[in-house]
Protein backbone atom coordinates (compact mmCIF):
# COMPACT_ATOMS: atom_id res chain seq x y z
CA MET A 1 140.93 80.76 120.77
CA ARG A 2 141.16 77.07 121.56
CA CYS A 3 140.37 74.27 119.22
CA LEU A 4 137.70 71.89 120.38
CA THR A 5 138.74 69.01 122.55
CA CYS A 6 135.42 67.74 123.84
CA PHE A 7 133.36 68.70 120.83
CA ARG A 8 134.58 65.83 118.71
CA LEU A 9 133.15 66.41 115.30
CA ARG A 10 134.79 64.52 112.51
CA PRO A 11 133.55 65.53 109.07
CA THR A 12 132.46 62.59 107.02
CA PRO A 13 132.52 62.62 103.24
CA ALA A 14 129.15 63.39 101.74
CA ARG A 15 128.01 60.50 99.61
CA SER A 16 125.60 60.74 96.78
CA THR A 17 122.40 59.03 97.72
CA THR A 18 119.79 57.38 95.63
CA GLY A 19 116.16 56.92 96.37
CA SER A 20 113.75 59.50 97.67
CA SER A 21 114.54 63.18 97.35
CA SER A 22 114.11 63.60 101.11
CA ARG A 23 117.04 61.29 101.76
CA ALA A 24 119.12 63.06 99.11
CA SER A 25 118.61 66.38 100.90
CA CYS A 26 120.22 65.19 104.16
CA ALA A 27 123.92 64.50 104.50
CA PRO A 28 126.14 63.24 107.30
CA ALA A 29 127.95 66.14 108.97
CA GLY A 30 130.14 64.13 111.35
CA THR A 31 130.00 62.65 114.78
CA ALA A 32 129.63 64.38 118.12
CA SER A 33 130.47 63.17 121.57
CA PRO A 34 127.68 63.65 124.08
CA PRO A 35 127.88 66.83 126.14
CA SER A 36 130.17 66.38 129.11
CA PRO A 37 131.26 68.57 132.00
CA THR A 38 134.14 69.77 129.83
CA SER A 39 131.97 70.58 126.78
CA THR A 40 131.58 74.30 126.45
CA PRO A 41 128.64 76.14 124.95
CA GLY A 42 130.03 78.23 122.13
CA ASP A 43 132.14 75.45 120.62
CA TYR A 44 131.77 75.47 116.87
CA ARG A 45 133.13 73.75 113.79
CA THR A 46 132.86 74.72 110.15
CA VAL A 47 132.21 72.05 107.55
CA ASP A 48 131.71 72.06 103.80
CA LEU A 49 128.88 69.78 102.72
CA LEU A 50 127.20 69.44 99.37
CA GLY A 51 128.82 72.64 98.15
CA ARG A 52 127.75 74.72 101.16
CA SER A 53 129.87 76.05 103.99
CA LEU A 54 128.12 75.45 107.32
CA ILE A 55 128.76 76.25 110.98
CA LEU A 56 127.78 73.69 113.61
CA HIS A 57 127.47 75.54 116.92
CA ARG A 58 126.96 74.11 120.42
CA THR A 59 124.70 76.36 122.48
CA SER A 60 123.40 76.02 126.02
CA ARG A 61 120.25 74.50 124.43
CA GLY A 62 121.99 72.01 122.15
CA MET A 63 123.49 71.91 118.70
CA ARG A 64 122.52 74.37 115.94
CA ALA A 65 123.58 74.59 112.29
CA PHE A 66 123.73 77.65 110.05
CA VAL A 67 124.96 78.52 106.59
CA ASN A 68 128.41 80.07 107.11
CA ALA A 69 127.48 83.42 105.52
CA CYS A 70 126.94 86.76 107.23
CA ALA A 71 123.59 88.47 106.63
CA HIS A 72 125.42 91.72 105.86
CA ARG A 73 127.84 91.00 102.99
CA HIS A 74 127.50 87.21 102.76
CA THR A 75 131.15 86.67 103.60
CA GLN A 76 132.08 83.66 105.73
CA VAL A 77 131.29 84.19 109.37
CA SER A 78 134.34 82.08 110.20
CA SER A 79 137.11 80.68 108.04
CA LEU A 80 138.58 78.78 111.00
CA PRO A 81 137.93 75.03 111.20
CA CYS A 82 136.88 75.25 114.86
CA GLY A 83 136.78 77.50 117.89
CA ASN A 84 134.69 78.75 120.75
CA GLU A 85 132.54 81.88 120.59
CA ARG A 86 129.55 82.61 122.79
CA ARG A 87 128.25 84.64 119.86
CA LEU A 88 129.21 83.86 116.29
CA ARG A 89 131.08 86.91 114.99
CA CYS A 90 131.61 87.76 111.34
CA GLN A 91 135.30 88.19 110.62
CA TYR A 92 134.66 90.93 108.04
CA HIS A 93 132.64 93.71 109.71
CA GLY A 94 132.16 92.23 113.17
CA TRP A 95 128.45 91.55 113.13
CA GLU A 96 127.56 89.19 116.00
CA TYR A 97 124.81 86.58 116.11
CA ASP A 98 123.15 85.00 119.14
CA ALA A 99 122.49 81.28 119.67
CA GLU A 100 119.41 81.48 117.42
CA GLY A 101 121.39 83.13 114.61
CA VAL A 102 119.76 86.56 115.04
CA ALA A 103 122.01 89.61 114.68
CA CYS A 104 122.50 91.09 118.14
CA VAL A 105 125.53 93.39 117.67
CA ILE A 106 125.97 95.51 114.56
CA PRO A 107 128.86 98.00 114.61
CA ASP A 108 127.72 101.44 113.42
CA ALA A 109 124.10 100.27 113.44
CA GLY A 110 122.96 103.89 113.12
CA CYS A 111 124.16 103.86 109.51
CA PHE A 112 121.62 101.15 108.68
CA MET A 113 118.42 102.80 109.92
CA PRO A 114 115.72 101.60 109.99
CA LEU A 115 117.07 98.27 111.18
CA ASP A 116 115.11 95.09 111.89
CA TYR A 117 117.44 92.85 113.91
CA GLN A 118 115.02 89.90 113.68
CA ALA A 119 115.20 89.97 109.89
CA LEU A 120 119.01 90.02 109.94
CA ARG A 121 119.95 86.50 110.78
CA LEU A 122 122.09 83.58 109.76
CA GLU A 123 120.28 81.11 107.55
CA PRO A 124 119.40 78.13 109.76
CA VAL A 125 119.95 74.58 108.55
CA ARG A 126 118.10 71.67 110.13
CA LEU A 127 120.47 69.53 112.18
CA GLU A 128 119.47 66.08 113.38
CA GLN A 129 121.36 63.79 115.69
CA LEU A 130 120.86 60.04 115.55
CA GLY A 131 122.98 58.48 118.27
CA GLN A 132 126.43 59.97 117.79
CA LEU A 133 125.85 60.86 114.12
CA LEU A 134 125.00 64.40 113.04
CA PHE A 135 123.09 65.06 109.83
CA VAL A 136 122.26 68.34 108.15
CA CYS A 137 119.11 68.55 106.07
CA LEU A 138 119.37 71.22 103.41
CA GLU A 139 115.81 70.74 102.18
CA PRO A 140 113.51 72.22 104.84
CA ALA A 141 110.49 70.24 103.63
CA SER A 142 112.20 66.85 103.95
CA PRO A 143 110.73 64.60 106.64
CA PRO A 144 112.71 63.92 109.81
CA LEU A 145 115.30 61.18 109.39
CA ARG A 146 113.66 59.11 112.12
CA ASP A 147 110.56 58.93 109.89
CA SER A 148 112.53 57.78 106.83
């Protein structure tokens, strides 16, 4: 597994914010270079922000962010700082998640019948990009940063 070369994401320290609660619910997650011919869908980086472990994942449709916890046993999906996986794969039991965070491969799925794959998903986190800056918004009801 290669570390990211063209997915330059430098974690930035989360600062406490004052003011509206919507601003306090969003935190800088780092910076990202624009996609280039050498950027690869599947590149990911894990970051710890505001007490939560997150995965920032580049897909063919753009950047996505998820809480770094498997839907099965809530263990970290990845403990590595970065890598490249077409599907995010839990290191514990091998559950795999597609670009939308929905479970798509469950080893021994027959043991879990009935099974609703759509309900078994990584918890999404809103990710916003302003220029080269990436922000995660942990409060789903907070307004978009561009409106702040």
